[in-house]
Protein backbone atom coordinates (compact mmCIF):
# COMPACT_ATOMS: atom_id res chain seq x y z
CA MET A 1 18.33 -23.31 5.04
CA ASN A 2 16.13 -26.81 4.51
CA LEU A 3 13.92 -24.97 6.80
CA LEU A 4 13.80 -22.42 4.61
CA ARG A 5 13.77 -23.94 1.66
CA ARG A 6 10.57 -25.86 2.62
CA LEU A 7 9.04 -23.08 3.81
CA GLY A 8 9.71 -21.12 0.43
CA THR A 9 7.63 -24.57 -1.30
CA TRP A 10 5.05 -24.44 0.93
CA ILE A 11 4.04 -21.28 0.32
CA ARG A 12 4.52 -20.56 -3.44
CA SER A 13 2.01 -23.90 -3.04
CA THR A 14 -0.97 -21.75 -1.22
CA PRO A 15 -3.32 -20.77 -3.72
CA LEU A 16 -2.31 -16.91 -3.26
CA PHE A 17 0.90 -17.72 -4.47
CA VAL A 18 0.12 -20.87 -6.75
CA GLY A 19 1.61 -20.36 -10.13
CA LEU A 20 3.69 -16.54 -9.13
CA PRO A 21 7.01 -16.14 -10.23
CA THR A 22 9.13 -16.48 -7.21
CA GLU A 23 10.02 -12.97 -6.91
CA VAL A 24 6.35 -12.01 -6.57
CA VAL A 25 6.87 -14.57 -3.01
CA ILE A 26 9.82 -12.55 -2.33
CA LEU A 27 8.25 -9.27 -2.50
CA SER A 28 5.17 -10.92 -0.65
CA SER A 29 8.11 -11.73 2.35
CA VAL A 30 9.85 -7.60 2.43
CA ALA A 31 6.14 -6.59 2.89
CA PHE A 32 5.43 -8.90 5.07
CA CYS A 33 8.31 -7.98 7.13
CA VAL A 34 7.70 -3.82 6.77
CA ALA A 35 4.19 -4.07 7.71
CA LEU A 36 5.08 -6.47 11.35
CA GLY A 37 7.71 -3.87 11.93
CA PHE A 38 5.51 -0.80 11.24
CA GLY A 39 2.77 -2.74 13.63
CA ILE A 40 5.11 -4.08 16.13
CA VAL A 41 5.97 0.28 16.53
CA GLY A 42 3.17 1.69 15.49
CA PRO A 43 1.88 2.21 19.23
CA ALA A 44 4.39 3.41 21.03
CA ILE A 45 5.15 6.50 18.71
CA PRO A 46 2.71 8.66 20.14
CA ILE A 47 3.25 6.90 23.91
CA PHE A 48 7.20 7.93 23.55
CA ALA A 49 7.00 11.09 22.34
CA ASP A 50 5.14 11.69 25.49
CA GLN A 51 7.85 10.95 27.32
CA PHE A 52 9.22 14.37 26.10
CA GLY A 53 6.16 16.42 27.81
CA VAL A 54 5.51 17.41 24.78
CA SER A 55 1.10 18.13 23.99
CA ALA A 56 -1.33 15.90 21.91
CA PHE A 57 -0.51 18.00 18.68
CA GLY A 58 3.47 17.05 19.44
CA ALA A 59 2.80 13.57 19.74
CA SER A 60 0.72 13.19 16.51
CA ALA A 61 3.00 15.67 14.71
CA VAL A 62 5.38 12.71 14.95
CA VAL A 63 3.15 10.50 14.11
CA SER A 64 1.92 13.12 10.35
CA VAL A 65 5.63 13.44 10.48
CA PHE A 66 6.66 10.66 8.49
CA ALA A 67 3.47 10.68 6.51
CA ALA A 68 4.31 14.10 5.32
CA MET A 69 7.62 13.13 4.03
CA ARG A 70 7.04 9.50 2.80
CA LEU A 71 4.49 12.28 0.17
CA VAL A 72 7.05 15.01 -0.33
CA GLY A 73 9.73 11.78 -1.65
CA ALA A 74 8.02 9.81 -3.64
CA LEU A 75 8.43 11.15 -7.20
CA PRO A 76 12.02 11.74 -5.80
CA ALA A 77 12.22 8.15 -5.22
CA GLY A 78 10.72 7.77 -8.43
CA TRP A 79 12.54 9.51 -10.50
CA LEU A 80 15.30 7.67 -8.33
CA VAL A 81 14.10 4.28 -9.53
CA ASP A 82 14.40 4.86 -13.30
CA ARG A 83 17.95 6.73 -12.72
CA THR A 84 19.31 3.31 -10.07
CA GLY A 85 17.10 0.56 -10.44
CA GLU A 86 13.85 -0.99 -8.28
CA ARG A 87 16.32 -3.46 -6.24
CA ILE A 88 19.00 -0.64 -5.51
CA THR A 89 16.03 2.38 -4.62
CA LEU A 90 14.68 -0.95 -2.45
CA ALA A 91 17.22 -1.48 -0.86
CA THR A 92 18.48 2.17 0.36
CA GLY A 93 14.91 2.93 1.03
CA LEU A 94 14.32 0.31 3.37
CA THR A 95 17.98 0.57 5.10
CA ILE A 96 17.64 4.40 5.48
CA VAL A 97 14.30 3.33 7.98
CA ALA A 98 15.90 0.36 9.59
CA VAL A 99 18.59 3.06 10.68
CA SER A 100 16.46 5.94 11.44
CA SER A 101 14.40 3.72 13.55
CA ALA A 102 17.59 2.44 15.37
CA PHE A 103 19.09 5.66 16.23
CA ALA A 104 14.81 6.86 17.00
CA GLY A 105 14.92 4.49 19.70
CA PHE A 106 18.25 6.42 21.30
CA SER A 107 16.63 9.90 20.65
CA THR A 108 16.83 11.85 24.25
CA SER A 109 14.43 15.21 22.81
CA TYR A 110 11.41 15.54 20.82
CA ALA A 111 13.19 17.19 18.26
CA GLN A 112 15.24 14.20 17.28
CA LEU A 113 12.87 11.91 17.24
CA LEU A 114 10.78 14.59 15.32
CA VAL A 115 13.64 14.75 12.44
CA LEU A 116 14.67 10.76 12.80
CA ARG A 117 11.03 10.11 11.99
CA GLY A 118 10.92 12.50 9.43
CA ILE A 119 13.80 10.85 7.43
CA GLY A 120 12.49 7.69 8.17
CA GLY A 121 9.31 8.76 6.11
CA LEU A 122 11.78 9.26 2.60
CA GLY A 123 12.92 5.99 3.40
CA SER A 124 10.04 4.75 3.12
CA ALA A 125 8.77 7.04 0.24
CA MET A 126 12.11 4.83 -1.15
CA PHE A 127 9.81 1.33 -0.23
CA THR A 128 6.22 2.34 -0.82
CA VAL A 129 6.99 3.49 -4.88
CA SER A 130 9.85 0.52 -5.76
CA ALA A 131 8.30 -2.20 -4.45
CA PRO A 132 5.55 -2.55 -6.68
CA ALA A 133 7.44 -1.00 -9.14
CA LEU A 134 8.98 -4.04 -9.37
CA LEU A 135 6.46 -6.31 -8.99
CA LEU A 136 4.66 -5.34 -11.77
CA ARG A 137 8.23 -5.50 -14.10
CA THR A 138 8.00 -9.48 -12.66
CA VAL A 139 4.52 -10.88 -14.70
CA GLY A 140 2.29 -10.24 -17.33
CA PRO A 141 -0.53 -8.83 -17.52
CA GLU A 142 -2.01 -12.32 -16.98
CA GLN A 143 -0.77 -11.93 -13.57
CA ARG A 144 -0.80 -7.99 -12.25
CA GLY A 145 -4.06 -8.81 -10.60
CA ARG A 146 -2.79 -11.71 -8.69
CA ALA A 147 -0.10 -10.55 -7.61
CA ALA A 148 -0.96 -7.15 -6.54
CA SER A 149 -3.41 -8.98 -3.77
CA ALA A 150 -0.46 -11.33 -2.87
CA PHE A 151 1.56 -8.28 -2.11
CA GLN A 152 -1.11 -6.81 -0.64
CA GLY A 153 -1.76 -10.08 1.58
CA GLY A 154 1.85 -9.68 3.34
CA PHE A 155 0.88 -6.65 4.20
CA LEU A 156 -2.42 -7.77 5.51
CA LEU A 157 -0.79 -10.28 7.80
CA GLY A 158 1.89 -8.89 8.95
CA GLY A 159 -0.10 -6.02 9.56
CA VAL A 160 -2.56 -8.03 11.74
CA ALA A 161 0.64 -9.89 13.46
CA GLY A 162 2.11 -6.70 14.26
CA PRO A 163 -0.27 -4.85 17.11
CA ALA A 164 -0.30 -8.47 18.73
CA VAL A 165 3.40 -8.90 19.08
CA GLY A 166 3.71 -4.87 19.56
CA GLY A 167 1.74 -5.11 23.13
CA ILE A 168 4.33 -7.79 24.20
CA VAL A 169 7.31 -6.06 23.11
CA LEU A 170 6.00 -2.42 24.73
CA GLY A 171 5.29 -4.00 28.12
CA ILE A 172 9.62 -4.34 28.34
CA SER A 173 10.78 -1.17 26.82
CA ILE A 174 9.35 2.06 25.19
CA ARG A 175 12.04 1.96 23.49
CA LEU A 176 11.96 -1.78 22.10
CA PRO A 177 9.53 -1.78 19.36
CA PHE A 178 11.95 1.02 17.58
CA PHE A 179 14.27 -2.37 17.72
CA VAL A 180 12.64 -4.50 16.80
CA TYR A 181 10.61 -2.93 13.65
CA ALA A 182 14.76 -1.37 12.42
CA ALA A 183 15.41 -5.32 13.20
CA THR A 184 13.14 -6.55 10.97
CA LEU A 185 13.42 -3.72 8.37
CA GLY A 186 16.93 -5.37 8.38
CA VAL A 187 16.16 -8.65 7.52
CA ALA A 188 13.78 -7.38 4.30
CA VAL A 189 17.43 -6.30 3.84
CA VAL A 190 19.19 -9.11 3.36
CA VAL A 191 16.12 -11.02 1.35
CA VAL A 192 16.14 -7.93 -1.45
CA ILE A 193 19.88 -8.21 -1.22
CA THR A 194 20.09 -11.99 -1.71
CA MET A 195 17.31 -12.90 -2.90
CA LEU A 196 16.69 -10.35 -5.61
CA ALA A 197 19.18 -9.50 -7.31
CA LYS A 198 18.48 -12.37 -10.12
CA ALA A 199 15.00 -11.16 -10.43
CA GLU A 200 13.13 -12.13 -14.16
CA LEU A 201 12.10 -9.06 -15.54
CA ARG A 202 9.58 -8.79 -18.33
CA ASP A 203 12.18 -6.25 -19.54
CA LYS A 204 15.05 -8.41 -19.00
CA LEU A 205 16.31 -7.98 -22.85
CA GLU A 206 17.59 -4.71 -22.84
CA PRO A 207 18.08 -2.62 -26.27
CA ALA A 208 21.99 -1.81 -27.18
CA THR A 209 20.85 1.27 -26.57
CA PRO A 210 18.58 3.67 -24.48
CA THR A 211 14.92 3.12 -25.27
CA ALA A 212 12.78 6.01 -25.54
CA VAL A 213 10.85 5.83 -22.51
CA GLU A 214 14.16 6.73 -20.57
CA THR A 215 15.66 9.13 -22.73
CA ARG A 216 12.83 11.15 -22.82
CA PRO A 217 11.88 13.06 -19.01
CA TRP A 218 9.70 11.82 -16.11
CA THR A 219 7.39 14.62 -16.98
CA SER A 220 7.31 13.72 -20.43
CA VAL A 221 6.76 9.86 -19.26
CA LEU A 222 4.40 11.43 -16.67
CA GLY A 223 2.37 14.08 -18.61
CA GLU A 224 1.24 10.92 -21.20
CA ALA A 225 -0.22 8.65 -18.77
CA LEU A 226 -2.03 11.94 -16.99
CA HIS A 227 -4.30 11.60 -20.37
CA ASN A 228 -4.49 7.89 -20.09
CA ARG A 229 -8.34 7.98 -19.02
CA ALA A 230 -8.04 4.71 -17.01
CA TYR A 231 -4.64 6.00 -15.05
CA VAL A 232 -6.45 8.75 -13.99
CA THR A 233 -9.36 6.51 -12.77
CA ALA A 234 -6.67 4.16 -10.94
CA LEU A 235 -5.54 7.32 -9.01
CA ALA A 236 -8.32 8.66 -7.85
CA VAL A 237 -9.73 5.23 -6.94
CA ASN A 238 -6.59 5.60 -4.77
CA LEU A 239 -7.06 8.91 -3.70
CA GLY A 240 -10.73 7.50 -2.61
CA ASN A 241 -9.35 4.15 -1.16
CA GLY A 242 -6.89 6.41 1.24
CA PHE A 243 -9.41 8.96 1.74
CA ALA A 244 -12.34 6.64 3.43
CA SER A 245 -10.51 3.14 4.29
CA PHE A 246 -7.02 4.40 5.35
CA GLY A 247 -8.06 8.09 6.46
CA LEU A 248 -11.76 8.15 7.85
CA ARG A 249 -11.60 4.50 8.86
CA SER A 250 -8.84 4.80 10.49
CA ALA A 251 -9.21 8.38 12.20
CA LEU A 252 -12.78 7.71 12.86
CA VAL A 253 -14.22 4.46 13.59
CA PRO A 254 -12.24 3.86 17.40
CA LEU A 255 -14.04 7.26 18.14
CA PHE A 256 -17.55 5.90 17.10
CA VAL A 257 -16.82 2.34 18.74
CA VAL A 258 -16.60 4.43 22.10
CA ASN A 259 -18.88 7.06 21.63
CA SER A 260 -21.45 6.14 19.79
CA LEU A 261 -22.05 2.58 20.41
CA HIS A 262 -20.35 2.92 23.66
CA LEU A 263 -18.32 -0.10 23.60
CA ASP A 264 -15.37 -0.61 25.46
CA LYS A 265 -12.09 0.37 22.67
CA ALA A 266 -11.07 -3.05 22.21
CA TRP A 267 -13.43 -3.31 19.69
CA ALA A 268 -12.01 -1.19 17.28
CA GLY A 269 -9.18 -3.54 17.55
CA TYR A 270 -11.95 -6.44 17.18
CA GLY A 271 -13.31 -4.69 14.11
CA ALA A 272 -10.34 -4.24 12.45
CA LEU A 273 -10.15 -7.61 13.03
CA ALA A 274 -12.79 -8.61 11.52
CA SER A 275 -11.96 -6.73 8.24
CA ALA A 276 -9.31 -8.60 7.69
CA ALA A 277 -10.84 -11.61 8.28
CA VAL A 278 -12.80 -11.41 5.14
CA GLN A 279 -10.29 -9.80 3.10
CA ALA A 280 -7.79 -12.41 3.66
CA PRO A 281 -9.46 -15.18 1.51
CA LEU A 282 -10.79 -12.77 -1.11
CA LEU A 283 -7.75 -11.71 -1.60
CA VAL A 284 -6.83 -15.06 -4.64
CA ARG A 285 -10.66 -14.40 -5.37
CA ALA A 286 -9.98 -10.23 -6.20
CA GLY A 287 -6.34 -11.52 -7.60
CA ARG A 288 -8.37 -13.08 -10.85
CA THR A 289 -11.33 -11.12 -10.92
CA ALA A 290 -8.93 -8.78 -12.12
CA ASP A 291 -6.78 -10.71 -14.60
CA THR A 292 -9.48 -12.80 -15.74
CA ARG A 293 -13.20 -10.09 -15.82
CA GLY A 294 -10.84 -7.04 -16.73
CA ARG A 295 -9.92 -4.33 -14.02
CA ARG A 296 -13.12 -2.44 -14.48
CA ILE A 297 -14.85 -4.68 -12.83
CA ALA A 298 -12.55 -5.56 -9.87
CA LEU A 299 -12.33 -1.57 -9.86
CA MET A 300 -16.29 -1.71 -9.39
CA LEU A 301 -16.62 -4.41 -7.28
CA GLY A 302 -14.04 -2.76 -4.93
CA THR A 303 -15.92 1.39 -4.62
CA SER A 304 -19.06 -0.17 -4.16
CA ILE A 305 -18.55 -2.96 -1.59
CA THR A 306 -16.60 -0.38 0.13
CA THR A 307 -18.67 2.53 -0.51
CA ILE A 308 -21.96 -0.55 1.21
CA GLY A 309 -19.61 -0.42 4.50
CA PHE A 310 -19.12 2.96 4.98
CA LEU A 311 -23.32 3.29 4.72
CA GLY A 312 -23.03 0.43 7.02
CA LEU A 313 -21.12 1.95 9.18
CA ALA A 314 -23.43 5.25 8.88
CA LEU A 315 -26.86 3.38 9.55
CA THR A 316 -25.56 1.64 12.35
CA GLY A 317 -26.52 1.19 16.03
CA SER A 318 -25.56 -1.95 17.29
CA LEU A 319 -22.45 -4.59 18.17
CA TRP A 320 -23.28 -7.24 15.19
CA ALA A 321 -23.71 -4.29 12.70
CA TYR A 322 -20.61 -2.87 13.23
CA LEU A 323 -18.77 -6.08 13.14
CA ALA A 324 -20.60 -7.28 9.47
CA ALA A 325 -19.87 -3.41 8.40
CA MET A 326 -16.53 -3.65 9.33
CA GLY A 327 -16.07 -6.94 6.92
CA VAL A 328 -18.34 -5.15 4.16
CA LEU A 329 -15.22 -3.32 4.21
CA GLY A 330 -12.43 -6.24 4.32
CA ALA A 331 -14.42 -7.34 1.23
CA GLY A 332 -13.63 -4.28 -0.70
CA ALA A 333 -10.68 -3.47 0.01
CA ALA A 334 -9.21 -6.86 -1.17
CA PHE A 335 -10.27 -5.95 -4.81
CA LEU A 336 -9.13 -2.23 -4.20
CA GLY A 337 -5.55 -3.53 -3.74
CA ALA A 338 -6.01 -5.93 -6.61
CA GLY A 339 -7.39 -3.89 -9.48
CA PRO A 340 -5.96 -0.41 -9.23
CA ALA A 341 -2.72 -1.26 -8.69
CA ALA A 342 -2.93 -3.74 -12.03
CA VAL A 343 -4.41 -1.13 -14.48
CA VAL A 344 -1.07 1.27 -13.42
CA GLY A 345 0.55 -2.00 -14.92
CA ASP A 346 -0.76 -2.03 -17.74
CA ILE A 347 -0.13 1.49 -18.57
CA THR A 348 3.60 1.09 -17.57
CA HIS A 349 3.68 -1.86 -19.78
CA GLY A 350 6.06 -3.66 -17.12
CA ARG A 351 8.38 -0.82 -18.16
CA ARG A 352 10.62 1.40 -15.78
CA GLU A 353 8.11 4.20 -15.24
CA GLY A 354 9.20 5.09 -11.65
CA PRO A 355 6.94 8.47 -11.56
CA VAL A 356 4.12 7.05 -13.20
CA VAL A 357 4.02 4.49 -10.08
CA ALA A 358 5.00 7.03 -7.83
CA THR A 359 1.90 9.24 -8.49
CA PHE A 360 -0.17 6.55 -7.62
CA GLN A 361 1.52 5.72 -4.84
CA MET A 362 0.67 9.06 -3.87
CA MET A 363 -2.67 9.36 -3.92
CA SER A 364 -2.99 7.35 -1.19
CA ASP A 365 -1.23 9.08 1.01
CA VAL A 366 -2.74 12.13 0.42
CA GLY A 367 -6.15 11.36 1.23
CA ALA A 368 -4.77 9.05 4.29
CA ILE A 369 -3.41 12.41 5.21
CA ALA A 370 -6.86 14.58 3.89
CA GLY A 371 -9.11 12.05 5.53
CA PRO A 372 -9.06 12.27 9.32
CA LEU A 373 -8.27 16.18 8.47
CA ILE A 374 -11.47 16.65 7.13
CA ALA A 375 -13.43 13.79 9.09
CA GLY A 376 -12.77 15.56 12.66
CA ALA A 377 -14.04 19.28 10.85
CA ILE A 378 -17.57 17.56 9.90
CA VAL A 379 -17.98 15.79 13.17
CA VAL A 380 -16.77 19.19 15.22
CA ALA A 381 -19.15 20.67 13.23
CA THR A 382 -22.27 18.39 12.83
CA GLY A 383 -21.60 16.40 16.20
CA SER A 384 -22.34 12.87 14.42
CA TYR A 385 -19.72 10.35 13.17
CA GLU A 386 -22.59 8.86 10.74
CA ALA A 387 -21.64 12.40 8.60
CA GLY A 388 -18.20 11.82 8.99
CA PHE A 389 -18.54 7.54 7.18
CA LEU A 390 -21.09 9.26 4.60
CA VAL A 391 -18.50 11.60 3.49
CA GLY A 392 -16.47 8.69 2.84
CA VAL A 393 -20.30 7.50 0.90
CA GLY A 394 -20.16 10.80 -1.40
CA VAL A 395 -16.01 10.02 -2.18
CA LEU A 396 -16.38 6.11 -3.31
CA THR A 397 -19.84 6.99 -5.25
CA VAL A 398 -18.03 9.33 -7.32
CA THR A 399 -14.82 7.13 -7.89
CA PHE A 400 -17.30 4.07 -8.47
CA ALA A 401 -18.46 5.98 -11.06
CA MET A 402 -15.65 6.58 -12.49
CA ALA A 403 -14.58 3.02 -12.87
CA ALA A 404 -17.69 2.12 -14.14
CA THR A 405 -16.87 4.13 -17.59
CA MET A 406 -12.98 3.24 -17.96
CA PRO A 407 -11.84 1.86 -20.87
CA GLU A 408 -11.01 -1.57 -20.14
CA THR A 409 -6.92 -2.07 -20.42
CA LEU A 410 -6.78 -5.76 -20.00
CA LYS A 411 -7.09 -6.36 -23.69
CA ARG A 412 -5.42 -3.85 -24.60
CA ALA A 413 -2.37 -4.39 -22.56
CA LEU A 414 -2.40 -8.73 -23.89
CA VAL A 415 -2.23 -7.17 -27.38
CA SER A 416 -0.17 -4.69 -26.88
CA GLU A 417 2.64 -7.02 -24.64
CA ALA A 418 2.36 -9.88 -27.23
CA ASP A 419 3.00 -7.31 -29.68
CA ASP A 420 6.47 -6.09 -28.22
CA VAL A 421 7.57 -10.01 -27.56
CA VAL A 422 7.02 -10.28 -31.93
CA GLU A 423 8.95 -7.08 -32.41
CA GLY A 424 11.65 -7.60 -29.65
CA GLY A 425 10.75 -7.67 -25.71
CA PRO A 426 8.61 -4.95 -23.55
CA GLY A 427 9.89 -1.40 -23.83
CA GLN A 428 11.84 -2.18 -27.73
CA THR A 429 11.24 -0.70 -30.73
CA SER A 430 11.29 -2.46 -33.71
CA THR A 431 13.86 -1.90 -36.41
CA PRO A 432 13.30 -1.31 -39.77
């Protein structure tokens, strides 16, 4: 126990977490557990599906069904957050993914594996909505960018460590990664239940009667947010980031490395490491930029730097230019993790507005699903991977233009939430 306390003290003293609430550290640890487990099981899923004698399309469908069900379940998860709270939704979602993963490890048919991964996707939707929603309720506007960066750091560290551990686990047994994934999620559930039970929320002091947000239908709350240009910009940026960074990069870079640069496939992994190596030290700077200089500049930096990275991939023809371009993409990712999430927190004012957060999260999934399909079609039609990367440049250029012209939300959030404190706390209205 003393070792855990010392570890917690050391983590809180690092530049990424110093000055942030304990809840941010806990949620970032949960993100690490989730990313670690997913990184372990990810490479095993299509290989395991192949054991049932299905085609390449069938093996890929096991991966796609998880993402598709997470997309379908996002808005219901947002509604559930508003009804039951972030912590219950978070623990329930993680439990669903853990249990479904364990059962998937025992699958005796392709159909069982496909259904269980789909169920896991629904649980993942509950996690991806409730965790950032809770994160944004634990910090004020002056810390939202840094909190988002810290949460992103948990995913980044777990995402880097996961595949490395996964290779060892996969070498032992094709089924073992599913059980290890379930175990890492089980640890996350325990952390949520035991360490977030008394989380300090910005709107902790709730009024005796339901707030205006609680009594309004979620469609009304979401409709109001969609009339806010800054929120729409955050949605567009997250969509573009999902399309380019998660979609195009994951689908095209491995093939580009092998077929265009004529390098060993291992260099696709080394490129990802180069990206992470640049992204990690910039997380603190990106969060502070969003919290001090404003959300707009963070979005502009993220979209412009990422655009340059994809342009570099389109023009590169050598190993070192490829690694440099991947490093630039890592720099852009640091700012894209901090800025858009902080804007969403400013729009919700730290209140429980699950559908608003859910819609934001959905945009990244939509982009990640559409990106590989569109890029693949373009590569097939043109025979050029560079053309696929240039599509990403075009999408990101549009999001940069939207970010450059969006209204700044940081100062408005500081003033608005200061008024809330005077009137009795966030989410409350003054009485006559």
